C-alpha atoms as a PDB file:
ATOM      1  CA  MET A   1     -60.676 -83.793   2.761  1.00  0.00           C
ATOM      2  CA  GLU A   2     -60.667 -87.137   0.978  1.00  0.00           C
ATOM      3  CA  ILE A   3     -58.775 -85.590  -1.936  1.00  0.00           C
ATOM      4  CA  ILE A   4     -56.004 -84.339   0.340  1.00  0.00           C
ATOM      5  CA  ILE A   5     -55.578 -87.724   2.036  1.00  0.00           C
ATOM      6  CA  SER A   6     -55.376 -89.570  -1.320  1.00  0.00           C
ATOM      7  CA  ARG A   7     -52.628 -87.202  -2.542  1.00  0.00           C
ATOM      8  CA  ILE A   8     -50.620 -87.695   0.629  1.00  0.00           C
ATOM      9  CA  LEU A   9     -50.839 -91.502   0.287  1.00  0.00           C
ATOM     10  CA  SER A  10     -49.841 -91.384  -3.372  1.00  0.00           C
ATOM     11  CA  PHE A  11     -46.847 -89.182  -2.508  1.00  0.00           C
ATOM     12  CA  ASN A  12     -45.644 -91.585   0.223  1.00  0.00           C
ATOM     13  CA  PHE A  13     -45.910 -94.578  -2.146  1.00  0.00           C
ATOM     14  CA  SER A  14     -43.890 -92.745  -4.804  1.00  0.00           C
ATOM     15  CA  SER A  15     -41.216 -91.878  -2.249  1.00  0.00           C
ATOM     16  CA  GLN A  16     -40.872 -95.521  -1.258  1.00  0.00           C
ATOM     17  CA  LEU A  17     -40.432 -96.563  -4.893  1.00  0.00           C
ATOM     18  CA  LEU A  18     -37.795 -93.890  -5.360  1.00  0.00           C
ATOM     19  CA  VAL A  19     -35.847 -94.983  -2.295  1.00  0.00           C
ATOM     20  CA  ALA A  20     -35.980 -98.651  -3.395  1.00  0.00           C
ATOM     21  CA  ALA A  21     -34.749 -97.727  -6.862  1.00  0.00           C
ATOM     22  CA  ILE A  22     -31.831 -95.695  -5.470  1.00  0.00           C
ATOM     23  CA  PHE A  23     -30.833 -98.532  -3.112  1.00  0.00           C
ATOM     24  CA  THR A  24     -30.906-101.047  -5.962  1.00  0.00           C
ATOM     25  CA  VAL A  25     -28.724 -98.883  -8.197  1.00  0.00           C
ATOM     26  CA  PHE A  26     -26.266 -98.330  -5.339  1.00  0.00           C
ATOM     27  CA  SER A  27     -26.027-102.089  -4.680  1.00  0.00           C
ATOM     28  CA  LEU A  28     -25.306-102.805  -8.337  1.00  0.00           C
ATOM     29  CA  PHE A  29     -22.585-100.141  -8.301  1.00  0.00           C
ATOM     30  CA  LEU A  30     -20.901-101.722  -5.242  1.00  0.00           C
ATOM     31  CA  THR A  31     -21.048-105.159  -6.891  1.00  0.00           C
ATOM     32  CA  VAL A  32     -19.304-103.870 -10.023  1.00  0.00           C
ATOM     33  CA  LEU A  33     -16.571-102.244  -7.914  1.00  0.00           C
ATOM     34  CA  ALA A  34     -15.985-105.466  -5.982  1.00  0.00           C
ATOM     35  CA  VAL A  35     -15.630-107.528  -9.191  1.00  0.00           C
ATOM     36  CA  GLN A  36     -13.161-105.055 -10.696  1.00  0.00           C
ATOM     37  CA  SER A  37     -11.158-104.947  -7.463  1.00  0.00           C
ATOM     38  CA  ARG A  38     -10.837-108.768  -7.413  1.00  0.00           C
ATOM     39  CA  LYS A  39      -9.643-108.877 -11.020  1.00  0.00           C
ATOM     40  CA  SER A  40      -7.038-106.195 -10.416  1.00  0.00           C
ATOM     41  CA  SER A  41      -5.750-107.962  -7.290  1.00  0.00           C
ATOM     42  CA  LYS A  42      -5.175-111.174  -9.295  1.00  0.00           C
ATOM     43  CA  SER A  43      -3.384-109.324 -12.070  1.00  0.00           C
ATOM     44  CA  ASP A  44      -0.960-107.359  -9.843  1.00  0.00           C
ATOM     45  CA  GLY A  45      -0.313-110.226  -7.370  1.00  0.00           C
ATOM     46  CA  THR A  46      -1.834-108.681  -4.237  1.00  0.00           C
ATOM     47  CA  GLY A  47      -4.094-111.668  -3.687  1.00  0.00           C
ATOM     48  CA  ALA A  48      -1.457-114.270  -4.460  1.00  0.00           C
ATOM     49  CA  GLY A  49       0.102-114.144  -0.996  1.00  0.00           C
ATOM     50  CA  VAL A  50      -3.005-115.456   0.762  1.00  0.00           C
ATOM     51  CA  ALA A  51      -3.421-118.239  -1.785  1.00  0.00           C
ATOM     52  CA  SER A  52       0.229-119.177  -1.536  1.00  0.00           C
ATOM     53  CA  ILE A  53       0.072-119.448   2.251  1.00  0.00           C
ATOM     54  CA  SER A  54      -2.898-121.787   2.227  1.00  0.00           C
ATOM     55  CA  ARG A  55      -1.581-123.906  -0.647  1.00  0.00           C
ATOM     56  CA  THR A  56       1.936-124.138   0.749  1.00  0.00           C
ATOM     57  CA  CYS A  57       0.670-125.152   4.160  1.00  0.00           C
ATOM     58  CA  SER A  58      -1.527-127.843   2.633  1.00  0.00           C
ATOM     59  CA  CYS A  59       1.347-129.235   0.564  1.00  0.00           C
ATOM     60  CA  SER A  60       3.840-129.241   3.424  1.00  0.00           C
ATOM     61  CA  CYS A  61       1.489-131.004   5.788  1.00  0.00           C
ATOM     62  CA  SER A  62       0.750-133.705   3.225  1.00  0.00           C
ATOM     63  CA  SER A  63       4.493-134.146   2.608  1.00  0.00           C
ATOM     64  CA  CYS A  64       5.087-134.918   6.277  1.00  0.00           C
ATOM     65  CA  ASN A  65       2.471-137.638   6.045  1.00  0.00           C
ATOM     66  CA  GLY A  66       4.236-139.204   3.090  1.00  0.00           C
ATOM     67  CA  THR A  67       1.877-137.984   0.349  1.00  0.00           C
ATOM     68  CA  VAL A  68       1.975-134.889  -1.825  1.00  0.00           C
ATOM     69  CA  GLU A  69      -1.271-133.639  -3.372  1.00  0.00           C
ATOM     70  CA  SER A  70      -1.668-130.612  -5.642  1.00  0.00           C
ATOM     71  CA  PRO A  71      -5.038-128.828  -5.916  1.00  0.00           C
ATOM     72  CA  PRO A  72      -6.587-129.708  -9.289  1.00  0.00           C
ATOM     73  CA  GLU A  73      -7.684-126.129  -9.953  1.00  0.00           C
ATOM     74  CA  VAL A  74      -4.157-124.699  -9.787  1.00  0.00           C
ATOM     75  CA  GLY A  75      -2.517-124.381 -13.193  1.00  0.00           C
ATOM     76  CA  ALA A  76       1.165-124.286 -14.056  1.00  0.00           C
ATOM     77  CA  GLY A  77       1.198-120.553 -14.651  1.00  0.00           C
ATOM     78  CA  GLU A  78      -0.674-119.829 -11.449  1.00  0.00           C
ATOM     79  CA  MET A  79       1.688-122.061  -9.452  1.00  0.00           C
ATOM     80  CA  LEU A  80       4.634-120.137 -10.870  1.00  0.00           C
ATOM     81  CA  GLU A  81       2.958-116.875  -9.893  1.00  0.00           C
ATOM     82  CA  VAL A  82       2.274-118.211  -6.399  1.00  0.00           C
ATOM     83  CA  GLY A  83       5.924-119.174  -5.898  1.00  0.00           C
ATOM     84  CA  ARG A  84       7.127-115.783  -7.126  1.00  0.00           C
ATOM     85  CA  HIS A  85       4.946-113.684  -4.819  1.00  0.00           C
ATOM     86  CA  ALA A  86       4.916-115.965  -1.754  1.00  0.00           C
ATOM     87  CA  PRO A  87       6.057-114.196   1.418  1.00  0.00           C
ATOM     88  CA  ALA A  88       9.019-115.359   3.472  1.00  0.00           C
ATOM     89  CA  PRO A  89       7.006-117.362   6.067  1.00  0.00           C
ATOM     90  CA  ALA A  90       5.312-119.370   3.316  1.00  0.00           C
ATOM     91  CA  VAL A  91       8.644-120.187   1.683  1.00  0.00           C
ATOM     92  CA  ALA A  92      10.021-121.334   5.036  1.00  0.00           C
ATOM     93  CA  VAL A  93       7.049-123.626   5.511  1.00  0.00           C
ATOM     94  CA  ALA A  94       7.596-125.058   2.033  1.00  0.00           C
ATOM     95  CA  GLU A  95      11.240-125.755   2.768  1.00  0.00           C
ATOM     96  CA  ARG A  96      10.371-127.488   6.023  1.00  0.00           C
ATOM     97  CA  GLY A  97       7.760-129.508   4.212  1.00  0.00           C
ATOM     98  CA  SER A  98      10.216-130.694   1.555  1.00  0.00           C
ATOM     99  CA  GLY A  99      12.570-131.895   4.278  1.00  0.00           C
ATOM    100  CA  CYS A 100       9.823-134.004   5.832  1.00  0.00           C
ATOM    101  CA  GLY A 101       9.704-136.135   2.659  1.00  0.00           C
ATOM    102  CA  ALA A 102      13.424-137.048   2.786  1.00  0.00           C
ATOM    103  CA  SER A 103      14.395-140.512   3.965  1.00  0.00           C
ATOM    104  CA  MET A 104      16.303-141.091   7.171  1.00  0.00           C
ATOM    105  CA  MET A 105      19.382-142.260   5.240  1.00  0.00           C
ATOM    106  CA  GLU A 106      19.459-139.027   3.229  1.00  0.00           C
ATOM    107  CA  GLN A 107      19.470-136.913   6.390  1.00  0.00           C
ATOM    108  CA  LEU A 108      22.467-138.666   7.985  1.00  0.00           C
ATOM    109  CA  VAL A 109      25.930-137.159   7.952  1.00  0.00           C
ATOM    110  CA  PRO A 110      28.339-138.766   5.407  1.00  0.00           C
ATOM    111  CA  GLU A 111      30.438-140.548   8.062  1.00  0.00           C
ATOM    112  CA  ILE A 112      27.407-142.312   9.557  1.00  0.00           C
ATOM    113  CA  THR A 113      26.085-143.154   6.088  1.00  0.00           C
ATOM    114  CA  THR A 114      29.402-144.742   5.103  1.00  0.00           C
ATOM    115  CA  HIS A 115      29.465-146.781   8.308  1.00  0.00           C
ATOM    116  CA  ALA A 116      25.900-147.983   7.692  1.00  0.00           C
ATOM    117  CA  LEU A 117      26.680-148.946   4.095  1.00  0.00           C
ATOM    118  CA  SER A 118      29.697-150.983   5.247  1.00  0.00           C
ATOM    119  CA  TYR A 119      27.269-153.628   6.553  1.00  0.00           C
ATOM    120  CA  LEU A 120      25.828-154.230   3.069  1.00  0.00           C
ATOM    121  CA  ASP A 121      27.107-156.896   0.724  1.00  0.00           C
ATOM    122  CA  TYR A 122      28.186-156.391  -2.874  1.00  0.00           C
ATOM    123  CA  PRO A 123      24.773-156.961  -4.598  1.00  0.00           C
ATOM    124  CA  SER A 124      22.903-154.828  -2.051  1.00  0.00           C
ATOM    125  CA  LEU A 125      25.298-151.925  -2.443  1.00  0.00           C
ATOM    126  CA  CYS A 126      24.948-152.065  -6.226  1.00  0.00           C
ATOM    127  CA  ARG A 127      21.149-152.131  -6.017  1.00  0.00           C
ATOM    128  CA  LEU A 128      21.163-149.213  -3.586  1.00  0.00           C
ATOM    129  CA  SER A 129      23.124-147.096  -6.072  1.00  0.00           C
ATOM    130  CA  MET A 130      20.248-147.444  -8.561  1.00  0.00           C
ATOM    131  CA  THR A 131      17.515-145.996  -6.296  1.00  0.00           C
ATOM    132  CA  ASN A 132      18.096-142.234  -6.603  1.00  0.00           C
ATOM    133  CA  SER A 133      20.845-139.663  -7.053  1.00  0.00           C
ATOM    134  CA  LEU A 134      21.546-139.208  -3.340  1.00  0.00           C
ATOM    135  CA  MET A 135      21.844-142.944  -2.703  1.00  0.00           C
ATOM    136  CA  ARG A 136      23.982-143.335  -5.817  1.00  0.00           C
ATOM    137  CA  LYS A 137      26.383-140.742  -4.456  1.00  0.00           C
ATOM    138  CA  ALA A 138      26.483-142.472  -1.076  1.00  0.00           C
ATOM    139  CA  ALA A 139      26.880-145.951  -2.592  1.00  0.00           C
ATOM    140  CA  ASN A 140      29.784-144.772  -4.768  1.00  0.00           C
ATOM    141  CA  ASP A 141      31.694-143.404  -1.795  1.00  0.00           C
ATOM    142  CA  ASP A 142      35.268-144.681  -1.865  1.00  0.00           C
ATOM    143  CA  ASN A 143      35.377-145.372   1.867  1.00  0.00           C
ATOM    144  CA  ALA A 144      32.303-147.600   1.654  1.00  0.00           C
ATOM    145  CA  TRP A 145      33.930-149.758  -1.029  1.00  0.00           C
ATOM    146  CA  LYS A 146      37.188-149.874   0.912  1.00  0.00           C
ATOM    147  CA  ALA A 147      35.331-151.181   3.963  1.00  0.00           C
ATOM    148  CA  LEU A 148      33.524-153.737   1.796  1.00  0.00           C
ATOM    149  CA  TYR A 149      36.832-154.855   0.274  1.00  0.00           C
ATOM    150  CA  HIS A 150      38.371-155.436   3.698  1.00  0.00           C
ATOM    151  CA  LYS A 151      35.297-157.359   4.788  1.00  0.00           C
ATOM    152  CA  ASP A 152      35.142-159.641   1.729  1.00  0.00           C
ATOM    153  CA  PHE A 153      38.837-160.102   0.929  1.00  0.00           C
ATOM    154  CA  THR A 154      41.732-159.059   3.155  1.00  0.00           C
ATOM    155  CA  LEU A 155      42.844-156.396   5.607  1.00  0.00           C
ATOM    156  CA  GLU A 156      46.460-156.558   4.445  1.00  0.00           C
ATOM    157  CA  GLN A 157      45.997-153.915   1.750  1.00  0.00           C
ATOM    158  CA  ASP A 158      44.911-151.047   3.972  1.00  0.00           C
ATOM    159  CA  SER A 159      47.749-148.834   2.709  1.00  0.00           C
ATOM    160  CA  VAL A 160      47.031-149.520  -0.971  1.00  0.00           C
ATOM    161  CA  MET A 161      45.826-146.523  -2.995  1.00  0.00           C
ATOM    162  CA  PRO A 162      43.994-147.866  -6.063  1.00  0.00           C
ATOM    163  CA  VAL A 163      44.434-145.738  -9.164  1.00  0.00           C
ATOM    164  CA  ASN A 164      40.765-145.927 -10.165  1.00  0.00           C
ATOM    165  CA  GLY A 165      39.314-145.978  -6.655  1.00  0.00           C
ATOM    166  CA  TRP A 166      38.225-148.757  -4.334  1.00  0.00           C
ATOM    167  CA  LYS A 167      35.040-149.549  -6.230  1.00  0.00           C
ATOM    168  CA  ALA A 168      36.954-150.431  -9.406  1.00  0.00           C
ATOM    169  CA  TYR A 169      39.573-152.232  -7.321  1.00  0.00           C
ATOM    170  CA  TYR A 170      36.876-154.272  -5.611  1.00  0.00           C
ATOM    171  CA  ALA A 171      35.319-155.234  -8.951  1.00  0.00           C
ATOM    172  CA  ALA A 172      38.692-156.275 -10.419  1.00  0.00           C
ATOM    173  CA  THR A 173      39.568-158.311  -7.310  1.00  0.00           C
ATOM    174  CA  ARG A 174      36.219-160.065  -7.382  1.00  0.00           C
ATOM    175  CA  ALA A 175      36.727-160.949 -11.060  1.00  0.00           C
ATOM    176  CA  VAL A 176      40.189-162.392 -10.348  1.00  0.00           C
ATOM    177  CA  VAL A 177      38.948-164.373  -7.345  1.00  0.00           C
ATOM    178  CA  ASN A 178      36.114-165.805  -9.466  1.00  0.00           C
ATOM    179  CA  VAL A 179      38.553-166.916 -12.181  1.00  0.00           C
ATOM    180  CA  ASN A 180      40.761-168.467  -9.520  1.00  0.00           C
ATOM    181  CA  ALA A 181      37.773-170.400  -8.133  1.00  0.00           C
ATOM    182  CA  GLU A 182      36.942-171.523 -11.670  1.00  0.00           C
ATOM    183  CA  PHE A 183      40.461-172.988 -11.952  1.00  0.00           C
ATOM    184  CA  PHE A 184      39.837-175.326  -9.010  1.00  0.00           C
ATOM    185  CA  ASN A 185      36.370-176.246 -10.283  1.00  0.00           C
ATOM    186  CA  ILE A 186      37.977-177.303 -13.575  1.00  0.00           C
ATOM    187  CA  ILE A 187      40.396-179.545 -11.672  1.00  0.00           C
ATOM    188  CA  ARG A 188      37.508-181.150  -9.789  1.00  0.00           C
ATOM    189  CA  GLU A 189      35.603-181.732 -13.019  1.00  0.00           C
ATOM    190  CA  ARG A 190      38.806-182.728 -14.875  1.00  0.00           C
ATOM    191  CA  SER A 191      37.748-180.786 -17.969  1.00  0.00           C
ATOM    192  CA  LEU A 192      40.689-180.347 -20.347  1.00  0.00           C
ATOM    193  CA  PRO A 193      38.836-178.025 -22.822  1.00  0.00           C
ATOM    194  CA  ALA A 194      37.921-175.678 -19.967  1.00  0.00           C
ATOM    195  CA  MET A 195      41.518-175.721 -18.725  1.00  0.00           C
ATOM    196  CA  GLY A 196      42.691-174.834 -22.222  1.00  0.00           C
ATOM    197  CA  ARG A 197      40.381-171.806 -22.313  1.00  0.00           C
ATOM    198  CA  LEU A 198      41.547-170.673 -18.879  1.00  0.00           C
ATOM    199  CA  TRP A 199      45.241-170.411 -19.775  1.00  0.00           C
ATOM    200  CA  LEU A 200      46.696-167.697 -21.988  1.00  0.00           C
ATOM    201  CA  ASN A 201      47.987-169.111 -25.267  1.00  0.00           C
ATOM    202  CA  ALA A 202      51.537-167.799 -24.950  1.00  0.00           C
ATOM    203  CA  ASP A 203      55.040-169.245 -24.896  1.00  0.00           C
ATOM    204  CA  TYR A 204      55.951-167.697 -21.545  1.00  0.00           C
ATOM    205  CA  VAL A 205      53.229-169.344 -19.425  1.00  0.00           C
ATOM    206  CA  LYS A 206      54.540-171.764 -16.788  1.00  0.00           C
ATOM    207  CA  CYS A 207      53.106-174.415 -14.515  1.00  0.00           C
ATOM    208  CA  THR A 208      54.861-176.070 -11.571  1.00  0.00           C
ATOM    209  CA  HIS A 209      52.894-178.959 -10.118  1.00  0.00           C
ATOM    210  CA  ALA A 210      53.193-180.187  -6.541  1.00  0.00           C
ATOM    211  CA  SER A 211      55.450-183.009  -7.743  1.00  0.00           C
ATOM    212  CA  GLY A 212      58.066-180.391  -8.590  1.00  0.00           C
ATOM    213  CA  GLU A 213      57.804-180.806 -12.379  1.00  0.00           C
ATOM    214  CA  LEU A 214      58.000-177.577 -14.361  1.00  0.00           C
ATOM    215  CA  PHE A 215      56.201-177.120 -17.666  1.00  0.00           C
ATOM    216  CA  SER A 216      56.773-174.079 -19.866  1.00  0.00           C
ATOM    217  CA  GLY A 217      54.760-172.921 -22.866  1.00  0.00           C
ATOM    218  CA  TYR A 218      51.050-173.244 -23.552  1.00  0.00           C
ATOM    219  CA  ASN A 219      51.124-176.658 -25.254  1.00  0.00           C
ATOM    220  CA  SER A 220      53.367-178.204 -22.626  1.00  0.00           C
ATOM    221  CA  VAL A 221      51.216-176.848 -19.790  1.00  0.00           C
ATOM    222  CA  ILE A 222      47.981-178.208 -21.259  1.00  0.00           C
ATOM    223  CA  GLN A 223      49.599-181.617 -21.825  1.00  0.00           C
ATOM    224  CA  SER A 224      50.632-181.710 -18.176  1.00  0.00           C
ATOM    225  CA  TRP A 225      47.034-181.193 -17.148  1.00  0.00           C
ATOM    226  CA  GLN A 226      45.902-183.877 -19.557  1.00  0.00           C
ATOM    227  CA  LEU A 227      48.197-186.341 -17.782  1.00  0.00           C
ATOM    228  CA  ALA A 228      46.851-185.209 -14.411  1.00  0.00           C
ATOM    229  CA  PHE A 229      43.223-185.640 -15.503  1.00  0.00           C
ATOM    230  CA  ASN A 230      43.892-189.131 -16.867  1.00  0.00           C
ATOM    231  CA  TRP A 231      44.654-190.386 -13.402  1.00  0.00           C
ATOM    232  CA  GLU A 232      42.051-192.846 -12.172  1.00  0.00           C
ATOM    233  CA  GLN A 233      41.659-191.295  -8.731  1.00  0.00           C
ATOM    234  CA  GLY A 234      39.831-188.041  -8.363  1.00  0.00           C
ATOM    235  CA  VAL A 235      41.156-185.189  -6.284  1.00  0.00           C
ATOM    236  CA  ASP A 236      38.935-183.525  -3.717  1.00  0.00           C
ATOM    237  CA  PHE A 237      40.390-180.617  -1.810  1.00  0.00           C
ATOM    238  CA  GLN A 238      39.542-177.430   0.026  1.00  0.00           C
ATOM    239  CA  VAL A 239      40.895-173.963  -0.709  1.00  0.00           C
ATOM    240  CA  GLN A 240      41.492-171.597   2.192  1.00  0.00           C
ATOM    241  CA  ASP A 241      43.199-168.314   3.028  1.00  0.00           C
ATOM    242  CA  VAL A 242      42.733-166.827  -0.459  1.00  0.00           C
ATOM    243  CA  LYS A 243      44.429-163.445  -0.918  1.00  0.00           C
ATOM    244  CA  ALA A 244      44.561-161.462  -4.158  1.00  0.00           C
ATOM    245  CA  ARG A 245      46.589-158.490  -5.319  1.00  0.00           C
ATOM    246  CA  VAL A 246      45.481-156.716  -8.484  1.00  0.00           C
ATOM    247  CA  LEU A 247      47.409-154.278 -10.654  1.00  0.00           C
ATOM    248  CA  THR A 248      46.315-152.682 -13.918  1.00  0.00           C
ATOM    249  CA  ASP A 249      46.642-155.764 -16.142  1.00  0.00           C
ATOM    250  CA  MET A 250      48.194-158.350 -13.819  1.00  0.00           C
ATOM    251  CA  ALA A 251      47.104-160.060 -10.615  1.00  0.00           C
ATOM    252  CA  TRP A 252      48.295-162.854  -8.380  1.00  0.00           C
ATOM    253  CA  VAL A 253      46.461-164.985  -5.849  1.00  0.00           C
ATOM    254  CA  THR A 254      47.981-166.926  -2.960  1.00  0.00           C
ATOM    255  CA  MET A 255      46.168-169.633  -1.009  1.00  0.00           C
ATOM    256  CA  LYS A 256      46.447-172.948   0.838  1.00  0.00           C
ATOM    257  CA  THR A 257      44.891-176.145  -0.501  1.00  0.00           C
ATOM    258  CA  TYR A 258      44.082-179.188   1.624  1.00  0.00           C
ATOM    259  CA  VAL A 259      43.759-182.400  -0.340  1.00  0.00           C
ATOM    260  CA  ASP A 260      42.858-184.771   2.505  1.00  0.00           C
ATOM    261  CA  ILE A 261      43.583-185.381   6.149  1.00  0.00           C
ATOM    262  CA  GLU A 262      46.686-187.535   5.602  1.00  0.00           C
ATOM    263  CA  THR A 263      48.579-185.102   3.391  1.00  0.00           C
ATOM    264  CA  GLY A 264      49.540-181.667   4.571  1.00  0.00           C
ATOM    265  CA  PRO A 265      48.439-178.412   2.969  1.00  0.00           C
ATOM    266  CA  PHE A 266      49.960-177.032  -0.229  1.00  0.00           C
ATOM    267  CA  ASN A 267      51.063-173.479  -0.882  1.00  0.00           C
ATOM    268  CA  VAL A 268      49.591-172.362  -4.200  1.00  0.00           C
ATOM    269  CA  THR A 269      50.282-169.225  -6.233  1.00  0.00           C
ATOM    270  CA  ASN A 270      48.348-168.347  -9.386  1.00  0.00           C
ATOM    271  CA  VAL A 271      49.224-165.420 -11.654  1.00  0.00           C
ATOM    272  CA  PHE A 272      46.749-163.902 -14.121  1.00  0.00           C
ATOM    273  CA  GLU A 273      46.997-161.392 -16.963  1.00  0.00           C
ATOM    274  CA  PHE A 274      44.209-159.233 -18.376  1.00  0.00           C
ATOM    275  CA  HIS A 275      43.730-159.569 -22.156  1.00  0.00           C
ATOM    276  CA  ASN A 276      40.784-158.615 -24.370  1.00  0.00           C
ATOM    277  CA  GLY A 277      38.412-157.957 -21.505  1.00  0.00           C
ATOM    278  CA  ARG A 278      39.087-161.059 -19.388  1.00  0.00           C
ATOM    279  CA  TRP A 279      41.641-162.603 -17.041  1.00  0.00           C
ATOM    280  CA  TYR A 280      43.850-165.516 -18.188  1.00  0.00           C
ATOM    281  CA  MET A 281      46.123-167.697 -16.106  1.00  0.00           C
ATOM    282  CA  VAL A 282      49.817-167.395 -17.006  1.00  0.00           C
ATOM    283  CA  HIS A 283      51.484-169.077 -14.026  1.00  0.00           C
ATOM    284  CA  HIS A 284      50.615-171.792 -11.510  1.00  0.00           C
ATOM    285  CA  HIS A 285      52.897-172.976  -8.734  1.00  0.00           C
ATOM    286  CA  SER A 286      52.035-175.591  -6.102  1.00  0.00           C
ATOM    287  CA  SER A 287      54.410-176.818  -3.403  1.00  0.00           C
ATOM    288  CA  VAL A 288      54.104-178.847  -0.221  1.00  0.00           C
ATOM    289  CA  MET A 289      53.980-176.811   2.963  1.00  0.00           C
ATOM    290  CA  LEU A 290      56.487-177.625   5.652  1.00  0.00           C
ATOM    291  CA  ILE A 291      54.968-179.169   8.777  1.00  0.00           C
ATOM    292  CA  ASP A 292      57.243-179.044  11.838  1.00  0.00           C
ATOM    293  CA  GLY A 293      60.227-178.590   9.571  1.00  0.00           C
ATOM    294  CA  GLU A 294      59.540-181.767   7.552  1.00  0.00           C
ATOM    295  CA  VAL A 295      58.150-182.289   4.078  1.00  0.00           C
ATOM    296  CA  ASP A 296      55.432-184.877   3.624  1.00  0.00           C
ATOM    297  CA  GLN A 297      56.621-187.468   1.091  1.00  0.00           C
ATOM    298  CA  GLN A 298      53.139-188.100  -0.259  1.00  0.00           C
ATOM    299  CA  VAL A 299      52.704-185.619  -3.092  1.00  0.00           C
ATOM    300  CA  VAL A 300      49.612-185.245  -5.208  1.00  0.00           C
ATOM    301  CA  HIS A 301      50.095-184.182  -8.821  1.00  0.00           C
ATOM    302  CA  GLY A 302      48.513-180.826  -9.681  1.00  0.00           C
END
């Protein structure tokens, strides 16, 4: 009896070992199949869709918050593969995310952008054009420079169609106006060398002072200014109502000058020519303005 019981126990123990061994082998087989299935899904792109959805969503959300972060474990090749196999919803999320990072100015329609840029001054508009490609395109808009020209200079030239656009026309007008202002600064400082550099050295230049005297030719014009600067009294005046008209290589500026309270204003016209990259004065005319149909007898030279 004892022998039979011992054999039964030994048989049950052997059966348990056999079952455990079979279960272990089966588990190892399932593990190998799972590893091979994961590798094949990466190679044929079946698992890329899930990764692309999670990565795209993470990127788009961070873009709306103003920051863009890329997972450090994603390589360049894997990112390319993700973009290629991403489903339509993921691509749509990515596009919405990229729009969240755009500035408010970039999302405005061109007409509103041009109107907003018209409130900027010349240096600000130039600095804005150096920020990025979209702002450079907006800052180079011809209508924006036309509005800036009318704000800084005159509204009389609304019908003018500049050959090289309003931006180039604005720059040329500003250069001429600066040279014209330099002319009056030279008179205040009574600097003959500076006056000589301002005028074009040509025989056809002319200068008509407020006294009515006409001087023709470069040497004669400079001598007339030498006589004016040798006067003991200095001349202090204000320049108002400055208007410029610029062509390709010629420009003229009209204005009113007020010497003092006692004398009336003078009508002044200056003509400039463009030579060797800069503007030179070629004509100056100053005359007393009529006040109530009468001419003031007190005339200031220059």
